[in-house]
Protein backbone atom coordinates (compact mmCIF):
# COMPACT_ATOMS: atom_id res chain seq x y z
CA UNK A 1 10.90 -2.58 -34.46
CA UNK A 2 14.23 -4.06 -34.37
CA UNK A 3 14.86 -7.53 -33.09
CA UNK A 4 16.74 -7.95 -29.67
CA UNK A 5 19.41 -9.80 -30.31
CA UNK A 6 19.82 -11.86 -27.45
CA UNK A 7 16.24 -13.27 -28.73
CA UNK A 8 17.91 -15.63 -31.06
CA UNK A 9 17.43 -19.05 -29.06
CA UNK A 10 18.23 -21.23 -31.40
CA UNK A 11 18.25 -24.86 -30.06
CA UNK A 12 21.08 -27.09 -31.15
CA UNK A 13 20.61 -25.71 -34.75
CA UNK A 14 23.38 -23.40 -34.20
CA UNK A 15 25.94 -26.22 -35.15
CA UNK A 16 27.21 -24.69 -37.96
CA UNK A 17 31.15 -26.45 -37.31
CA UNK A 18 34.28 -27.08 -38.69
CA UNK A 19 32.83 -31.10 -39.86
CA UNK A 20 29.86 -29.12 -41.42
CA UNK A 21 32.17 -26.82 -43.06
CA UNK A 22 34.19 -29.38 -44.56
CA UNK A 23 31.03 -31.22 -45.69
CA UNK A 24 30.00 -27.83 -47.48
CA UNK A 25 33.32 -27.85 -48.91
CA UNK A 26 33.69 -31.25 -50.35
CA UNK A 27 30.03 -31.24 -51.61
CA UNK A 28 30.52 -27.75 -53.68
CA UNK A 29 30.71 -28.61 -57.07
CA UNK A 30 33.70 -26.30 -58.67
CA UNK A 31 34.68 -24.74 -55.31
CA UNK A 32 32.74 -22.50 -53.00
CA UNK A 33 30.52 -19.61 -54.43
CA UNK A 34 32.71 -16.28 -54.58
CA UNK A 35 31.37 -14.40 -51.21
CA UNK A 36 32.68 -17.65 -49.26
CA UNK A 37 35.50 -19.04 -50.81
CA UNK A 38 38.21 -16.52 -49.14
CA UNK A 39 36.65 -17.00 -45.79
CA UNK A 40 36.40 -20.56 -45.44
CA UNK A 41 39.08 -22.82 -44.29
CA UNK A 42 40.84 -25.76 -46.31
CA UNK A 43 39.60 -29.35 -45.76
CA UNK A 44 43.15 -29.84 -43.77
CA UNK A 45 42.62 -26.63 -41.31
CA UNK A 46 39.04 -27.74 -40.85
CA UNK A 47 39.98 -31.13 -39.67
CA UNK A 48 42.18 -29.74 -37.36
CA UNK A 49 40.25 -27.73 -35.32
CA UNK A 50 37.91 -30.51 -34.44
CA UNK A 51 37.73 -31.25 -30.92
CA UNK A 52 39.99 -34.82 -30.32
CA UNK A 53 39.77 -36.88 -27.68
CA UNK A 54 43.17 -35.56 -26.70
CA UNK A 55 42.43 -32.45 -26.50
CA UNK A 56 39.20 -32.94 -24.60
CA UNK A 57 41.20 -35.01 -21.51
CA UNK A 58 44.17 -32.68 -21.41
CA UNK A 59 41.26 -29.59 -20.67
CA UNK A 60 39.95 -31.82 -18.15
CA UNK A 61 43.19 -32.86 -16.43
CA UNK A 62 44.72 -29.40 -16.67
CA UNK A 63 41.46 -27.54 -15.11
CA UNK A 64 39.08 -29.54 -12.98
CA UNK A 65 41.20 -29.49 -10.22
CA UNK A 66 40.73 -25.84 -9.91
CA UNK A 67 37.01 -26.20 -10.43
CA UNK A 68 34.87 -26.35 -6.94
CA UNK A 69 31.41 -27.31 -5.53
CA UNK A 70 29.46 -24.71 -3.50
CA UNK A 71 26.77 -25.56 -1.11
CA UNK A 72 24.58 -22.98 0.49
CA UNK A 73 21.44 -23.66 3.05
CA UNK A 74 19.79 -23.46 -0.03
CA UNK A 75 21.31 -25.25 -3.01
CA UNK A 76 24.58 -24.81 -4.71
CA UNK A 77 26.41 -24.76 -7.91
CA UNK A 78 30.19 -24.34 -8.91
CA UNK A 79 32.89 -22.05 -8.80
CA UNK A 80 36.57 -21.77 -10.06
CA UNK A 81 39.75 -20.97 -8.42
CA UNK A 82 41.24 -17.59 -9.40
CA UNK A 83 43.89 -17.20 -7.22
CA UNK A 84 46.24 -19.61 -5.70
CA UNK A 85 44.95 -18.27 -1.87
CA UNK A 86 41.56 -19.24 -2.38
CA UNK A 87 39.87 -16.81 -4.09
CA UNK A 88 36.26 -18.31 -6.01
CA UNK A 89 34.43 -17.17 -8.56
CA UNK A 90 30.68 -17.94 -8.90
CA UNK A 91 27.49 -16.69 -9.87
CA UNK A 92 25.23 -14.22 -7.65
CA UNK A 93 22.19 -16.67 -7.47
CA UNK A 94 24.58 -19.26 -6.67
CA UNK A 95 25.32 -18.03 -3.13
CA UNK A 96 22.24 -15.82 -2.75
CA UNK A 97 21.75 -13.99 0.31
CA UNK A 98 24.36 -16.28 2.20
CA UNK A 99 27.05 -14.62 3.56
CA UNK A 100 28.86 -17.60 4.12
CA UNK A 101 29.08 -21.09 1.95
CA UNK A 102 30.38 -24.18 1.61
CA UNK A 103 33.23 -24.73 -0.67
CA UNK A 104 34.59 -28.57 -1.96
CA UNK A 105 37.60 -28.77 -3.39
CA UNK A 106 38.15 -31.59 -6.35
CA UNK A 107 40.54 -33.23 -3.75
CA UNK A 108 37.85 -33.35 -1.36
CA UNK A 109 38.50 -31.00 1.20
CA UNK A 110 36.10 -28.42 2.62
CA UNK A 111 36.24 -24.81 3.56
CA UNK A 112 33.91 -22.42 4.30
CA UNK A 113 34.35 -19.07 2.36
CA UNK A 114 33.14 -15.42 2.97
CA UNK A 115 31.26 -13.90 0.01
CA UNK A 116 33.05 -10.87 -0.66
CA UNK A 117 31.43 -9.15 -3.56
CA UNK A 118 28.78 -9.08 -6.13
CA UNK A 119 28.24 -8.19 -9.76
CA UNK A 120 26.59 -4.93 -10.21
CA UNK A 121 23.86 -3.71 -12.26
CA UNK A 122 22.18 -7.35 -12.63
CA UNK A 123 25.65 -8.81 -13.61
CA UNK A 124 25.30 -12.84 -12.27
CA UNK A 125 28.69 -12.86 -10.59
CA UNK A 126 29.90 -13.63 -6.78
CA UNK A 127 33.08 -13.90 -5.22
CA UNK A 128 33.80 -15.79 -2.70
CA UNK A 129 37.78 -16.05 -0.51
CA UNK A 130 38.03 -19.48 1.65
CA UNK A 131 38.97 -19.24 4.90
CA UNK A 132 41.93 -20.98 6.60
CA UNK A 133 44.40 -18.82 4.60
CA UNK A 134 45.12 -22.14 2.02
CA UNK A 135 47.81 -21.38 -0.18
CA UNK A 136 49.09 -23.40 -3.39
CA UNK A 137 45.45 -24.31 -4.89
CA UNK A 138 45.25 -24.72 -8.74
CA UNK A 139 44.01 -22.32 -10.43
CA UNK A 140 41.68 -21.30 -13.64
CA UNK A 141 43.63 -19.13 -16.39
CA UNK A 142 41.04 -16.34 -18.08
CA UNK A 143 41.36 -15.99 -21.34
CA UNK A 144 41.73 -12.36 -23.30
CA UNK A 145 38.74 -10.41 -23.61
CA UNK A 146 37.17 -10.45 -26.73
CA UNK A 147 38.75 -13.76 -27.73
CA UNK A 148 35.79 -15.71 -27.89
CA UNK A 149 34.93 -16.79 -31.49
CA UNK A 150 31.44 -18.47 -32.96
CA UNK A 151 32.10 -21.92 -33.75
CA UNK A 152 34.88 -22.84 -31.60
CA UNK A 153 34.89 -25.78 -28.83
CA UNK A 154 33.60 -25.19 -25.37
CA UNK A 155 34.00 -27.15 -23.02
CA UNK A 156 31.96 -27.02 -19.45
CA UNK A 157 33.02 -28.56 -15.91
CA UNK A 158 30.79 -28.20 -12.73
CA UNK A 159 28.66 -30.34 -10.41
CA UNK A 160 25.48 -30.89 -12.66
CA UNK A 161 22.87 -32.55 -10.14
CA UNK A 162 25.58 -32.34 -7.13
CA UNK A 163 28.06 -34.47 -9.48
CA UNK A 164 30.95 -33.04 -9.14
CA UNK A 165 33.46 -32.58 -11.79
CA UNK A 166 31.57 -33.25 -14.40
CA UNK A 167 32.66 -32.59 -18.37
CA UNK A 168 30.56 -31.95 -20.95
CA UNK A 169 31.68 -30.90 -24.60
CA UNK A 170 30.02 -28.35 -27.39
CA UNK A 171 30.57 -25.28 -29.19
CA UNK A 172 30.01 -21.58 -28.55
CA UNK A 173 26.76 -21.21 -30.51
CA UNK A 174 26.70 -17.74 -30.45
CA UNK A 175 28.04 -14.13 -28.65
CA UNK A 176 25.50 -11.75 -28.29
CA UNK A 177 27.27 -8.33 -27.77
CA UNK A 178 24.44 -6.18 -27.02
CA UNK A 179 23.49 -8.43 -24.10
CA UNK A 180 27.29 -9.41 -23.75
CA UNK A 181 26.42 -13.17 -23.18
CA UNK A 182 28.08 -16.44 -24.87
CA UNK A 183 25.70 -18.88 -25.88
CA UNK A 184 26.96 -22.53 -25.98
CA UNK A 185 25.03 -26.09 -27.23
CA UNK A 186 27.50 -27.51 -23.87
CA UNK A 187 25.34 -29.66 -21.74
CA UNK A 188 24.71 -27.14 -18.63
CA UNK A 189 22.29 -28.43 -16.20
CA UNK A 190 21.59 -27.41 -12.43
CA UNK A 191 24.74 -27.02 -10.69
CA UNK A 192 26.70 -25.99 -13.40
CA UNK A 193 26.04 -22.40 -12.56
CA UNK A 194 29.17 -20.81 -11.59
CA UNK A 195 31.46 -23.06 -13.16
CA UNK A 196 33.66 -22.14 -16.03
CA UNK A 197 33.09 -22.32 -19.38
CA UNK A 198 36.73 -23.19 -21.59
CA UNK A 199 38.31 -22.75 -24.50
CA UNK A 200 40.90 -25.93 -25.94
CA UNK A 201 43.63 -24.31 -24.31
CA UNK A 202 41.84 -24.82 -21.03
CA UNK A 203 41.29 -20.85 -20.36
CA UNK A 204 38.11 -20.00 -18.92
CA UNK A 205 36.22 -17.73 -21.86
CA UNK A 206 32.88 -17.52 -19.57
CA UNK A 207 31.16 -18.28 -16.39
CA UNK A 208 28.12 -20.21 -17.08
CA UNK A 209 25.27 -18.64 -15.59
CA UNK A 210 21.72 -20.02 -16.76
CA UNK A 211 20.08 -22.55 -19.20
CA UNK A 212 17.05 -22.72 -20.93
CA UNK A 213 14.60 -25.61 -20.44
CA UNK A 214 11.09 -26.12 -20.55
CA UNK A 215 10.20 -28.30 -17.59
CA UNK A 216 10.39 -28.55 -14.24
CA UNK A 217 12.97 -30.91 -14.10
CA UNK A 218 15.37 -27.95 -15.16
CA UNK A 219 17.56 -30.09 -17.49
CA UNK A 220 19.56 -28.98 -20.56
CA UNK A 221 17.60 -28.60 -24.04
CA UNK A 222 21.33 -27.93 -25.75
CA UNK A 223 20.99 -23.77 -24.77
CA UNK A 224 23.21 -22.35 -21.90
CA UNK A 225 25.15 -18.84 -21.35
CA UNK A 226 27.90 -17.70 -19.99
CA UNK A 227 29.05 -14.31 -18.69
CA UNK A 228 31.97 -13.32 -20.96
CA UNK A 229 35.67 -12.81 -19.69
CA UNK A 230 35.31 -8.76 -20.30
CA UNK A 231 32.68 -8.68 -17.81
CA UNK A 232 34.70 -11.29 -15.35
CA UNK A 233 37.99 -9.13 -15.13
CA UNK A 234 35.97 -6.00 -14.51
CA UNK A 235 34.45 -7.59 -11.51
CA UNK A 236 37.16 -9.08 -10.08
CA UNK A 237 39.01 -6.00 -10.29
CA UNK A 238 36.44 -4.10 -8.16
CA UNK A 239 36.61 -7.48 -5.90
CA UNK A 240 40.27 -7.07 -5.42
CA UNK A 241 40.27 -3.25 -5.07
CA UNK A 242 37.49 -3.49 -2.08
CA UNK A 243 34.90 -1.68 -4.33
CA UNK A 244 32.36 -4.58 -5.48
CA UNK A 245 29.05 -4.09 -3.65
CA UNK A 246 28.29 -6.31 -1.21
CA UNK A 247 24.21 -6.32 -2.40
CA UNK A 248 23.44 -9.24 -5.26
CA UNK A 249 21.32 -7.41 -7.71
CA UNK A 250 21.27 -10.36 -10.22
CA UNK A 251 17.59 -11.91 -10.83
CA UNK A 252 17.37 -15.61 -10.02
CA UNK A 253 17.51 -18.15 -12.95
CA UNK A 254 13.54 -18.62 -13.29
CA UNK A 255 12.27 -21.47 -15.67
CA UNK A 256 9.72 -23.28 -13.44
CA UNK A 257 6.54 -22.74 -15.22
CA UNK A 258 5.50 -25.84 -17.10
CA UNK A 259 4.54 -25.34 -20.66
CA UNK A 260 0.08 -25.09 -20.39
CA UNK A 261 -1.29 -27.33 -23.06
CA UNK A 262 -2.99 -25.46 -25.74
CA UNK A 263 -5.38 -27.25 -28.46
CA UNK A 264 -5.44 -26.08 -32.20
CA UNK A 265 -8.18 -23.72 -33.15
CA UNK A 266 -7.70 -22.62 -29.34
CA UNK A 267 -7.00 -18.82 -28.43
CA UNK A 268 -6.08 -17.91 -24.63
CA UNK A 269 -5.54 -14.86 -22.69
CA UNK A 270 -2.42 -14.59 -20.86
CA UNK A 271 -0.36 -12.15 -19.07
CA UNK A 272 3.46 -11.43 -18.80
CA UNK A 273 4.62 -10.02 -15.18
CA UNK A 274 6.86 -11.42 -12.48
CA UNK A 275 5.35 -14.55 -12.29
CA UNK A 276 6.43 -15.72 -15.46
CA UNK A 277 9.36 -17.48 -16.57
CA UNK A 278 12.61 -15.21 -17.02
CA UNK A 279 15.08 -15.79 -19.87
CA UNK A 280 18.85 -14.42 -19.48
CA UNK A 281 18.28 -11.06 -20.99
CA UNK A 282 15.46 -10.19 -17.96
CA UNK A 283 12.45 -10.78 -20.66
CA UNK A 284 9.52 -12.57 -19.22
CA UNK A 285 7.79 -15.36 -21.12
CA UNK A 286 5.41 -18.07 -20.59
CA UNK A 287 5.60 -21.46 -22.19
CA UNK A 288 2.61 -23.31 -24.00
CA UNK A 289 2.64 -26.74 -25.87
CA UNK A 290 0.57 -28.56 -28.66
CA UNK A 291 0.65 -31.48 -30.40
CA UNK A 292 1.47 -31.56 -34.17
CA UNK A 293 1.71 -34.25 -37.40
CA UNK A 294 4.64 -33.94 -39.74
CA UNK A 295 3.05 -31.93 -43.05
CA UNK A 296 0.82 -30.06 -40.86
CA UNK A 297 0.70 -26.29 -41.19
CA UNK A 298 0.09 -24.23 -37.89
CA UNK A 299 0.10 -20.55 -37.63
CA UNK A 300 0.43 -18.81 -34.32
CA UNK A 301 -0.66 -14.95 -33.54
CA UNK A 302 0.68 -13.21 -30.59
CA UNK A 303 -1.03 -10.02 -30.22
CA UNK A 304 -1.23 -7.55 -27.30
CA UNK A 305 -2.08 -3.77 -26.35
CA UNK A 306 0.62 -3.52 -23.81
CA UNK A 307 3.99 -5.43 -24.71
CA UNK A 308 6.47 -6.20 -27.74
CA UNK A 309 5.44 -9.58 -28.56
CA UNK A 310 8.07 -12.13 -29.15
CA UNK A 311 7.33 -15.90 -30.55
CA UNK A 312 10.11 -18.67 -30.30
CA UNK A 313 8.26 -22.21 -31.39
CA UNK A 314 10.20 -25.19 -30.25
CA UNK A 315 9.86 -28.80 -31.14
CA UNK A 316 10.09 -30.95 -27.93
CA UNK A 317 13.10 -33.49 -28.25
CA UNK A 318 14.19 -31.88 -31.45
CA UNK A 319 17.40 -29.78 -31.36
CA UNK A 320 17.65 -28.84 -35.03
CA UNK A 321 14.39 -26.62 -34.93
CA UNK A 322 13.75 -23.53 -34.18
CA UNK A 323 11.75 -20.60 -35.38
CA UNK A 324 11.34 -17.26 -33.71
CA UNK A 325 9.58 -14.05 -35.06
CA UNK A 326 9.05 -10.46 -33.87
CA UNK A 327 6.92 -8.20 -36.24
CA UNK A 328 5.35 -10.61 -38.79
CA UNK A 329 1.82 -10.66 -37.55
CA UNK A 330 1.53 -6.29 -38.28
CA UNK A 331 2.22 -3.89 -36.04
CA UNK A 332 4.17 -4.76 -32.85
CA UNK A 333 2.50 -8.52 -33.11
CA UNK A 334 4.42 -11.46 -33.89
CA UNK A 335 3.20 -14.75 -36.05
CA UNK A 336 5.08 -18.01 -37.09
CA UNK A 337 3.52 -19.52 -39.74
CA UNK A 338 5.14 -23.22 -40.52
CA UNK A 339 4.85 -26.71 -42.22
CA UNK A 340 5.63 -28.76 -39.18
CA UNK A 341 8.39 -31.09 -39.58
CA UNK A 342 7.95 -33.48 -36.62
CA UNK A 343 4.85 -35.63 -35.18
CA UNK A 344 4.80 -35.06 -31.83
CA UNK A 345 5.00 -32.26 -28.91
CA UNK A 346 5.98 -28.72 -29.70
CA UNK A 347 6.70 -25.60 -27.36
CA UNK A 348 5.69 -22.08 -28.10
CA UNK A 349 6.94 -19.38 -25.77
CA UNK A 350 5.11 -16.44 -25.37
CA UNK A 351 7.55 -13.83 -24.75
CA UNK A 352 8.05 -9.95 -24.61
CA UNK A 353 10.70 -7.95 -26.37
CA UNK A 354 12.62 -6.12 -23.76
CA UNK A 355 13.63 -6.97 -20.17
CA UNK A 356 11.06 -6.70 -17.50
CA UNK A 357 8.03 -5.88 -20.21
CA UNK A 358 4.77 -6.97 -19.04
CA UNK A 359 1.14 -6.93 -20.29
CA UNK A 360 -1.40 -8.61 -21.31
CA UNK A 361 -1.67 -10.58 -24.59
CA UNK A 362 -3.59 -13.01 -26.43
CA UNK A 363 -2.40 -16.04 -28.08
CA UNK A 364 -3.82 -18.19 -30.88
CA UNK A 365 -2.61 -21.42 -32.70
CA UNK A 366 -4.83 -22.46 -35.41
CA UNK A 367 -4.10 -24.91 -38.51
CA UNK A 368 -3.75 -23.55 -42.30
CA UNK A 369 -0.99 -20.53 -42.81
CA UNK A 370 -1.78 -16.93 -42.34
CA UNK A 371 0.88 -16.03 -44.47
CA UNK A 372 3.11 -14.34 -41.77
CA UNK A 373 2.79 -10.95 -42.31
CA UNK A 374 3.98 -10.83 -46.12
CA UNK A 375 0.01 -11.43 -47.74
CA UNK A 376 -1.99 -14.50 -48.40
CA UNK A 377 -0.50 -17.39 -48.71
CA UNK A 378 -1.11 -19.61 -51.72
CA UNK A 379 -2.14 -23.23 -51.28
CA UNK A 380 1.06 -25.82 -51.53
CA UNK A 381 2.81 -23.88 -49.58
CA UNK A 382 5.03 -25.29 -46.85
CA UNK A 383 7.11 -22.68 -45.25
CA UNK A 384 6.40 -18.51 -45.69
CA UNK A 385 8.73 -16.52 -43.04
CA UNK A 386 9.17 -12.77 -42.84
CA UNK A 387 12.49 -11.61 -40.73
CA UNK A 388 15.33 -9.74 -40.07
CA UNK A 389 18.41 -10.47 -41.11
CA UNK A 390 20.93 -8.66 -38.89
CA UNK A 391 23.72 -8.67 -35.97
CA UNK A 392 21.37 -10.15 -34.03
CA UNK A 393 22.43 -13.27 -36.31
CA UNK A 394 25.37 -16.01 -36.62
CA UNK A 395 27.30 -15.19 -39.22
CA UNK A 396 29.33 -17.33 -41.83
CA UNK A 397 33.43 -16.90 -41.41
CA UNK A 398 33.46 -14.03 -44.19
CA UNK A 399 30.67 -12.11 -41.82
CA UNK A 400 27.61 -12.53 -43.88
CA UNK A 401 24.90 -12.88 -41.27
CA UNK A 402 22.42 -15.84 -41.85
CA UNK A 403 19.41 -17.63 -40.08
CA UNK A 404 18.37 -21.32 -40.45
CA UNK A 405 14.54 -22.86 -41.21
CA UNK A 406 13.61 -26.20 -41.43
CA UNK A 407 10.65 -28.09 -43.62
CA UNK A 408 9.83 -31.26 -43.84
CA UNK A 409 10.05 -33.34 -47.75
CA UNK A 410 9.63 -36.40 -49.03
CA UNK A 411 11.80 -38.06 -52.01
CA UNK A 412 10.82 -37.10 -55.31
CA UNK A 413 9.02 -33.95 -54.08
CA UNK A 414 9.81 -30.71 -55.87
CA UNK A 415 10.07 -27.65 -53.87
CA UNK A 416 10.54 -24.50 -54.97
CA UNK A 417 12.35 -22.10 -52.56
CA UNK A 418 12.30 -18.20 -52.76
CA UNK A 419 14.30 -15.46 -50.54
CA UNK A 420 13.54 -12.21 -51.35
CA UNK A 421 14.40 -8.98 -49.91
CA UNK A 422 14.68 -4.87 -50.89
CA UNK A 423 17.52 -4.52 -48.59
CA UNK A 424 20.30 -6.64 -48.94
CA UNK A 425 21.88 -9.28 -51.30
CA UNK A 426 20.20 -12.58 -50.62
CA UNK A 427 21.75 -15.48 -50.81
CA UNK A 428 20.28 -19.12 -50.52
CA UNK A 429 22.07 -22.54 -49.12
CA UNK A 430 19.60 -25.76 -48.74
CA UNK A 431 20.83 -28.75 -46.36
CA UNK A 432 19.58 -32.30 -46.11
CA UNK A 433 19.00 -33.81 -42.53
CA UNK A 434 22.83 -35.06 -42.35
CA UNK A 435 24.11 -31.08 -43.01
CA UNK A 436 24.90 -31.52 -45.92
CA UNK A 437 24.52 -28.66 -48.98
CA UNK A 438 22.51 -30.30 -51.70
CA UNK A 439 21.67 -26.59 -53.56
CA UNK A 440 22.51 -22.84 -53.49
CA UNK A 441 21.65 -19.84 -55.20
CA UNK A 442 22.42 -16.09 -55.48
CA UNK A 443 20.59 -14.47 -58.38
CA UNK A 444 17.63 -16.01 -59.73
CA UNK A 445 17.92 -14.04 -62.88
CA UNK A 446 20.71 -11.43 -64.01
CA UNK A 447 18.57 -8.42 -63.26
CA UNK A 448 17.78 -9.56 -59.36
CA UNK A 449 19.45 -10.26 -56.06
CA UNK A 450 16.98 -12.63 -54.99
CA UNK A 451 17.46 -15.93 -54.74
CA UNK A 452 15.52 -18.93 -56.13
CA UNK A 453 16.14 -22.88 -56.17
CA UNK A 454 13.85 -25.39 -57.58
CA UNK A 455 15.22 -28.75 -56.19
CA UNK A 456 13.72 -32.58 -56.51
CA UNK A 457 14.17 -34.17 -52.99
CA UNK A 458 16.16 -37.11 -52.75
CA UNK A 459 15.11 -38.95 -49.50
CA UNK A 460 12.20 -38.10 -47.04
CA UNK A 461 13.55 -36.26 -43.85
CA UNK A 462 14.22 -32.60 -42.40
CA UNK A 463 15.57 -30.26 -44.43
CA UNK A 464 17.24 -26.30 -43.55
CA UNK A 465 17.42 -23.74 -45.82
CA UNK A 466 20.02 -21.33 -44.97
CA UNK A 467 18.97 -17.43 -45.32
CA UNK A 468 21.97 -15.52 -45.92
CA UNK A 469 23.59 -12.35 -47.29
CA UNK A 470 26.22 -12.57 -50.16
CA UNK A 471 28.50 -9.54 -48.59
CA UNK A 472 29.37 -9.31 -45.05
CA UNK A 473 27.46 -7.23 -42.60
CA UNK A 474 24.67 -6.83 -45.14
CA UNK A 475 21.00 -6.79 -43.33
CA UNK A 476 17.52 -6.50 -43.79
CA UNK A 477 14.01 -7.73 -43.95
CA UNK A 478 13.44 -11.03 -46.04
CA UNK A 479 10.47 -13.26 -46.88
CA UNK A 480 11.65 -16.72 -47.89
CA UNK A 481 9.23 -19.17 -49.13
CA UNK A 482 8.91 -22.88 -49.44
CA UNK A 483 6.13 -24.59 -51.69
């Protein structure tokens, strides 16, 4: 089954940004490989695209006067002033069922505001009209629809934990066009909901709507989501025409269930239902945690007679590590087999592929590798991952899709990395811990489109393999092996 595109929840490892591209260019002997040369900007252009202090200050000074704090009986959040007469854009889950809210402006003034419309079909948007007929208010400009790009700078302004006027900076990590949502690594915390996500011109490119978190504190772990401007503009048009619904349909952001500890070698029976946590795409998940050692190989299996299982593996406090799988366990079952790069706590999300999918499942975490659905894994294998490269993934500037897979290595260790696919022309890139390219390969031999790299690792640390397609838009199944 094709993977739901929204499930690409890579925490922080999506920072394939201009600084990294510049490093790639500088370190590539003889220049870029042919399929990258035409699409990568020269070093001068990359340097110009890097966010500098002056840009950050300008965006904040330009927009922060138009960002408000919204308070309700049950909580609050943030919002943006959209017109000078006091129309506020925010999230439906921020205002909840309250028909009247309190709005505090950046200049300290407070107004009561009437909720005048909600987004339809679970769209987490709401509009508030300030009472008292204010005029001349500062406003947030809205960027044109479909103008946002992966890798561009992103600025979030809001009231995280009640601290009004807080600015955080990151990049646009991913655009999910199927679910119509923007992912960013700009820190978004409780209270940021409803506030603007901005481009370097100070224009609103999205409304911050939710975060991914694994604990009761609700803190940011590098994954935030925003509703893009095409949906915003459609919603505002309905508000201004008086046709917006008066009933909230968006679900509350629910990530309150803490990870349940599970021992290696153990299996648990679980169920995804309305008491589970919910990802922004509406899919249920239950979090689990286990303790692992660097270099240890573990296999995680999720099977179910009721749902299409989906697995996500994260490392606590390590934003560069994330692995996901849909069907590598055979049939619709999910399996991840990986050599752990860190010593510490790992988080497993037992998830379903589709929105609202519920039912029973079994989760098992065992030591050793089960081959990830691609046959038995020989002794000495560090990582063996079967996956599907396609439109749900990030792209390089030439339009070719890629995924990232980390592994831990030691100085002087020789590793053999193979990328095989019957569906597309593969391309391999290996990065060191500083995101510098240290090896790449297109075709292992003249008579194959599979890729292979044999590499003597220069130092201890975590390395990253980029699974890439040679041509733009190429897609299909692949098997990655690191041994």
